[in-house]
N, C-alpha and C. Protein backbone atom coordinates (compact mmCIF):
# COMPACT_ATOMS: atom_id res chain seq x y z
N UNK A 1 -6.56 8.54 16.46
CA UNK A 1 -5.09 9.68 16.17
C UNK A 1 -4.18 8.64 16.01
N UNK A 2 -3.40 8.95 15.00
CA UNK A 2 -2.73 7.89 14.67
C UNK A 2 -1.05 8.47 15.53
N UNK A 3 -0.36 7.58 15.22
CA UNK A 3 1.71 8.18 14.95
C UNK A 3 1.92 7.32 14.26
N UNK A 4 2.75 8.59 13.43
CA UNK A 4 3.23 8.82 12.10
C UNK A 4 4.42 8.16 11.93
N UNK A 5 4.58 7.32 11.45
CA UNK A 5 6.14 7.19 10.90
C UNK A 5 6.69 6.01 9.51
N UNK A 6 5.43 7.23 8.57
CA UNK A 6 5.53 6.80 7.41
C UNK A 6 4.04 7.04 6.63
N UNK A 7 3.82 6.90 5.39
CA UNK A 7 2.68 7.26 4.46
C UNK A 7 2.91 6.48 3.28
N UNK A 8 1.46 6.29 2.77
CA UNK A 8 1.78 5.52 1.88
C UNK A 8 0.28 6.59 0.11
N UNK A 9 0.77 6.05 -1.18
CA UNK A 9 0.68 6.32 -1.75
C UNK A 9 -0.55 6.08 -2.09
N UNK A 10 -1.51 5.70 -2.94
CA UNK A 10 -2.09 4.52 -3.40
C UNK A 10 -2.22 4.86 -5.19
N UNK A 11 -1.89 3.98 -5.76
CA UNK A 11 -2.23 3.95 -7.41
C UNK A 11 -3.62 4.22 -7.96
N UNK A 12 -3.72 5.03 -8.46
CA UNK A 12 -4.67 5.23 -8.96
C UNK A 12 -5.02 5.11 -10.44
N UNK A 13 -6.02 4.03 -11.24
CA UNK A 13 -6.12 4.40 -12.59
C UNK A 13 -7.04 4.71 -13.09
N UNK A 14 -6.87 5.50 -14.07
CA UNK A 14 -7.54 6.64 -14.99
C UNK A 14 -7.90 6.02 -16.94
N UNK A 15 -9.14 6.18 -17.75
CA UNK A 15 -9.00 6.04 -18.55
C UNK A 15 -9.23 4.14 -18.96
N UNK A 16 -9.03 3.42 -19.55
CA UNK A 16 -9.14 1.97 -20.04
C UNK A 16 -10.90 2.50 -20.72
N UNK A 17 -10.93 1.09 -20.22
CA UNK A 17 -12.71 0.91 -21.69
C UNK A 17 -12.76 1.02 -22.54
N UNK A 18 -13.90 1.03 -23.53
CA UNK A 18 -14.51 0.68 -24.97
C UNK A 18 -14.34 1.87 -25.35
N UNK A 19 -13.75 2.88 -26.40
CA UNK A 19 -14.01 4.13 -27.62
C UNK A 19 -14.32 3.64 -28.74
N UNK A 20 -15.82 3.57 -29.63
CA UNK A 20 -15.46 3.35 -31.12
C UNK A 20 -14.90 1.73 -31.50
N UNK A 21 -15.30 0.82 -30.46
CA UNK A 21 -14.57 -0.63 -30.36
C UNK A 21 -13.03 -0.48 -30.21
N UNK A 22 -12.08 0.03 -30.00
CA UNK A 22 -11.14 0.12 -28.92
C UNK A 22 -10.89 0.62 -28.14
N UNK A 23 -10.14 -0.84 -27.60
CA UNK A 23 -9.55 -0.34 -26.35
C UNK A 23 -8.63 0.28 -26.01
N UNK A 24 -9.50 1.20 -25.16
CA UNK A 24 -8.22 2.12 -24.69
C UNK A 24 -7.73 2.20 -23.30
N UNK A 25 -6.23 2.86 -23.53
CA UNK A 25 -4.93 1.99 -22.22
C UNK A 25 -5.42 2.75 -20.61
N UNK A 26 -5.26 2.71 -19.95
CA UNK A 26 -5.32 2.92 -18.77
C UNK A 26 -3.64 3.25 -18.40
N UNK A 27 -4.51 4.39 -17.31
CA UNK A 27 -2.94 5.33 -17.37
C UNK A 27 -3.25 5.06 -15.41
N UNK A 28 -1.97 4.52 -14.76
CA UNK A 28 -1.87 4.81 -13.77
C UNK A 28 -0.86 5.89 -12.70
N UNK A 29 -1.54 6.59 -12.33
CA UNK A 29 -0.72 7.58 -11.14
C UNK A 29 -0.98 7.63 -10.05
N UNK A 30 -0.01 8.01 -9.43
CA UNK A 30 0.07 7.99 -7.71
C UNK A 30 -0.94 8.97 -7.26
N UNK A 31 -1.54 8.43 -5.96
CA UNK A 31 -2.56 9.71 -5.11
C UNK A 31 -2.10 10.19 -4.41
N UNK A 32 -2.62 10.89 -3.57
CA UNK A 32 -2.03 11.94 -2.47
C UNK A 32 -1.20 11.20 -1.27
N UNK A 33 -0.44 11.67 -0.85
CA UNK A 33 0.59 11.33 -0.49
C UNK A 33 -1.00 10.97 1.36
N UNK A 34 -0.50 9.58 2.04
CA UNK A 34 -1.69 9.51 3.01
C UNK A 34 -0.54 8.71 4.61
N UNK A 35 -0.98 9.89 5.40
CA UNK A 35 -0.01 9.14 6.59
C UNK A 35 -0.34 8.51 7.18
N UNK A 36 0.77 7.61 7.55
CA UNK A 36 0.22 6.12 8.87
C UNK A 36 1.01 5.57 9.65
N UNK A 37 0.64 4.50 9.80
CA UNK A 37 1.28 4.04 11.12
C UNK A 37 2.07 2.86 10.77
N UNK A 38 3.22 2.13 10.56
CA UNK A 38 2.89 0.37 9.91
C UNK A 38 3.68 0.20 10.85
N UNK A 39 4.17 -1.50 10.55
CA UNK A 39 4.89 -2.41 11.52
C UNK A 39 5.20 -3.65 10.44
N UNK A 40 5.76 -4.34 10.44
CA UNK A 40 6.05 -5.40 9.85
C UNK A 40 5.34 -6.22 10.34
N UNK A 41 4.81 -7.47 9.93
CA UNK A 41 4.32 -8.98 10.12
C UNK A 41 5.54 -9.84 9.58
N UNK A 42 5.69 -9.43 8.58
CA UNK A 42 6.85 -10.38 7.98
C UNK A 42 8.01 -9.38 7.42
N UNK A 43 9.06 -9.80 7.46
CA UNK A 43 10.07 -8.72 6.51
C UNK A 43 11.39 -9.68 7.31
N UNK A 44 12.04 -10.81 5.72
CA UNK A 44 12.66 -11.31 6.19
C UNK A 44 13.21 -12.11 4.58
N UNK A 45 14.77 -12.53 4.36
CA UNK A 45 14.90 -12.46 3.12
C UNK A 45 15.30 -14.31 3.68
N UNK A 46 14.49 -14.93 4.19
CA UNK A 46 14.08 -16.55 3.80
C UNK A 46 13.45 -16.95 2.64
N UNK A 47 13.26 -16.67 1.65
CA UNK A 47 12.20 -17.13 0.11
C UNK A 47 13.39 -17.48 -0.29
N UNK A 48 13.10 -18.59 -1.25
CA UNK A 48 14.21 -18.90 -2.03
C UNK A 48 13.31 -19.42 -2.93
N UNK A 49 13.94 -19.19 -4.81
CA UNK A 49 13.56 -19.86 -5.41
C UNK A 49 15.05 -20.51 -5.64
N UNK A 50 14.92 -20.38 -7.24
CA UNK A 50 16.57 -22.33 -7.90
C UNK A 50 18.04 -20.85 -7.78
N UNK A 51 17.20 -19.30 -8.89
CA UNK A 51 18.56 -18.15 -8.51
C UNK A 51 18.97 -17.82 -7.38
N UNK A 52 18.39 -17.86 -5.93
CA UNK A 52 18.99 -17.25 -4.84
C UNK A 52 17.62 -17.01 -4.10
N UNK A 53 17.67 -16.22 -2.94
CA UNK A 53 16.93 -15.79 -2.04
C UNK A 53 16.47 -14.78 -2.18
N UNK A 54 15.06 -14.34 -1.46
CA UNK A 54 14.09 -12.92 -2.04
C UNK A 54 14.10 -12.47 -0.58
N UNK A 55 13.52 -11.24 -0.57
CA UNK A 55 12.62 -10.86 0.57
C UNK A 55 11.09 -10.66 0.72
N UNK A 56 10.94 -11.51 1.95
CA UNK A 56 9.28 -11.59 1.60
C UNK A 56 8.89 -10.54 2.85
N UNK A 57 7.72 -9.93 2.65
CA UNK A 57 7.67 -8.37 3.51
C UNK A 57 6.11 -8.43 4.02
N UNK A 58 5.04 -8.84 4.79
CA UNK A 58 4.08 -8.41 5.31
C UNK A 58 3.69 -7.32 6.17
N UNK A 59 3.29 -6.75 5.35
CA UNK A 59 2.73 -5.08 7.11
C UNK A 59 1.78 -5.01 6.92
N UNK A 60 1.19 -4.47 8.31
CA UNK A 60 -0.13 -4.17 8.52
C UNK A 60 0.31 -2.17 8.60
N UNK A 61 -0.60 -1.47 8.36
CA UNK A 61 -0.91 -0.60 7.52
C UNK A 61 -2.25 0.31 8.89
N UNK A 62 -2.00 1.26 9.68
CA UNK A 62 -3.26 1.82 10.23
C UNK A 62 -2.71 3.61 8.97
N UNK A 63 -3.73 3.75 9.04
CA UNK A 63 -4.79 5.47 8.37
C UNK A 63 -5.99 4.99 9.07
N UNK A 64 -5.71 7.13 9.56
CA UNK A 64 -7.49 7.44 10.20
C UNK A 64 -8.61 6.94 9.60
N UNK A 65 -9.49 6.77 9.83
CA UNK A 65 -10.90 5.81 9.36
C UNK A 65 -11.13 6.50 8.81
N UNK A 66 -11.36 6.36 7.11
CA UNK A 66 -11.72 6.20 5.46
C UNK A 66 -12.64 5.01 5.57
N UNK A 67 -12.76 5.46 4.47
CA UNK A 67 -12.80 4.32 3.13
C UNK A 67 -12.06 4.30 2.17
N UNK A 68 -11.80 3.04 2.13
CA UNK A 68 -10.01 3.12 1.33
C UNK A 68 -10.61 1.29 0.47
N UNK A 69 -10.38 1.50 -0.56
CA UNK A 69 -10.55 1.09 -1.27
C UNK A 69 -9.89 0.99 -3.09
N UNK A 70 -8.32 1.12 -2.86
CA UNK A 70 -7.02 0.97 -3.49
C UNK A 70 -6.83 -1.00 -3.63
N UNK A 71 -6.84 -0.93 -4.85
CA UNK A 71 -5.74 -2.37 -5.00
C UNK A 71 -4.49 -2.46 -4.73
N UNK A 72 -3.50 -1.07 -5.32
CA UNK A 72 -2.05 -1.60 -4.91
C UNK A 72 -1.21 -0.07 -4.56
N UNK A 73 -0.82 -0.19 -3.27
CA UNK A 73 -0.69 0.91 -2.93
C UNK A 73 1.04 1.23 -2.69
N UNK A 74 1.74 2.17 -2.28
CA UNK A 74 3.62 2.00 -2.33
C UNK A 74 3.38 2.18 -0.60
N UNK A 75 4.25 2.13 -0.18
CA UNK A 75 4.47 2.37 1.49
C UNK A 75 6.60 3.08 1.79
N UNK A 76 5.85 3.88 2.42
CA UNK A 76 7.20 4.35 2.71
C UNK A 76 7.69 5.17 3.58
N UNK A 77 8.58 4.69 4.14
CA UNK A 77 9.23 4.79 5.69
C UNK A 77 9.93 6.46 5.93
N UNK A 78 9.43 7.11 7.07
CA UNK A 78 10.05 8.19 7.07
C UNK A 78 10.49 8.53 8.88
N UNK A 79 11.08 7.47 9.49
CA UNK A 79 10.97 7.66 11.35
C UNK A 79 12.66 8.21 11.16
N UNK A 80 14.10 7.83 10.13
CA UNK A 80 14.43 8.79 10.06
C UNK A 80 15.04 9.58 8.90
N UNK A 81 15.35 9.00 7.70
CA UNK A 81 15.50 9.15 6.71
C UNK A 81 13.44 8.67 5.63
N UNK A 82 13.56 9.21 4.55
CA UNK A 82 12.15 8.84 3.95
C UNK A 82 13.02 7.89 3.24
N UNK A 83 12.57 6.17 2.96
CA UNK A 83 12.60 5.71 2.35
C UNK A 83 12.04 4.58 1.50
N UNK A 84 11.65 4.41 0.41
CA UNK A 84 10.35 3.53 0.47
C UNK A 84 10.69 2.19 0.50
N UNK A 85 9.63 1.37 0.91
CA UNK A 85 9.74 0.07 0.89
C UNK A 85 8.82 -0.69 0.84
N UNK A 86 8.74 -0.15 -0.49
CA UNK A 86 8.01 -1.32 -1.71
C UNK A 86 6.78 -0.93 -1.86
N UNK A 87 6.37 -1.66 -3.33
CA UNK A 87 5.28 -1.17 -3.70
C UNK A 87 4.20 -2.67 -3.66
N UNK A 88 3.15 -2.94 -3.01
CA UNK A 88 2.24 -3.88 -2.33
C UNK A 88 1.17 -3.69 -2.66
N UNK A 89 0.39 -5.32 -3.35
CA UNK A 89 -1.18 -5.47 -3.26
C UNK A 89 -2.14 -5.24 -1.87
N UNK A 90 -2.92 -4.57 -1.84
CA UNK A 90 -3.99 -4.97 -0.54
C UNK A 90 -4.49 -5.97 -0.60
N UNK A 91 -4.26 -6.78 0.72
CA UNK A 91 -4.87 -8.18 0.66
C UNK A 91 -5.87 -7.95 1.48
N UNK A 92 -6.49 -6.61 2.53
CA UNK A 92 -7.36 -7.14 3.62
C UNK A 92 -7.27 -4.86 3.55
N UNK A 93 -8.50 -5.03 4.68
CA UNK A 93 -9.21 -3.10 5.03
C UNK A 93 -10.28 -3.79 6.01
N UNK A 94 -9.30 -3.23 7.34
CA UNK A 94 -10.80 -3.36 8.20
C UNK A 94 -10.57 -2.17 8.20
N UNK A 95 -12.10 -1.62 9.22
CA UNK A 95 -12.41 -0.45 9.76
C UNK A 95 -12.30 -0.92 11.37
N UNK A 96 -11.48 -0.26 12.09
CA UNK A 96 -11.23 0.01 13.32
C UNK A 96 -11.93 0.83 14.19
N UNK A 97 -13.41 1.42 14.14
CA UNK A 97 -14.16 2.02 14.31
C UNK A 97 -13.99 2.91 15.97
N UNK A 98 -14.27 1.68 17.09
CA UNK A 98 -13.09 2.21 18.62
C UNK A 98 -12.11 3.10 18.93
N UNK A 99 -11.00 2.68 17.31
CA UNK A 99 -9.90 3.14 17.54
C UNK A 99 -9.97 4.56 16.15
N UNK A 100 -10.62 4.78 15.39
CA UNK A 100 -10.66 5.80 14.71
C UNK A 100 -10.11 5.50 13.50
N UNK A 101 -9.57 4.07 13.27
CA UNK A 101 -8.16 4.09 12.24
C UNK A 101 -9.20 3.05 11.36
N UNK A 102 -8.32 2.33 10.48
CA UNK A 102 -8.23 1.67 9.45
C UNK A 102 -7.14 0.68 8.94
N UNK A 103 -8.00 -0.54 9.38
CA UNK A 103 -6.12 -1.10 9.40
C UNK A 103 -6.21 -1.79 7.88
N UNK A 104 -5.12 -1.55 7.31
CA UNK A 104 -5.00 -2.17 5.76
C UNK A 104 -3.67 -3.91 6.30
N UNK A 105 -3.75 -4.26 5.36
CA UNK A 105 -3.06 -5.46 5.41
C UNK A 105 -2.33 -5.47 3.94
N UNK A 106 -1.02 -5.42 3.89
CA UNK A 106 0.41 -5.71 2.47
C UNK A 106 0.70 -7.21 2.71
């Protein structure tokens, strides 16, 4: 059991490949919302570029124990009011069998 403070939506890719020797486009849709508990590992405005600064973010997300194979996801915060924290590439997925959760690092 996790204490929910947000949810994630995975990006589901469909289509693609070759048909009659012609490449087919890939369409990306949002998957079903998955309740989660997230916490920021790093979230600051210390990233620098020639034109200015940007926000650096790294999150640790816990969801109920499940197979998870998405490449990208969208993270939402629901603590006060729903807000989108961003779209992220999945860095690692680790099943935590003792706690019945899956840890996702983005």
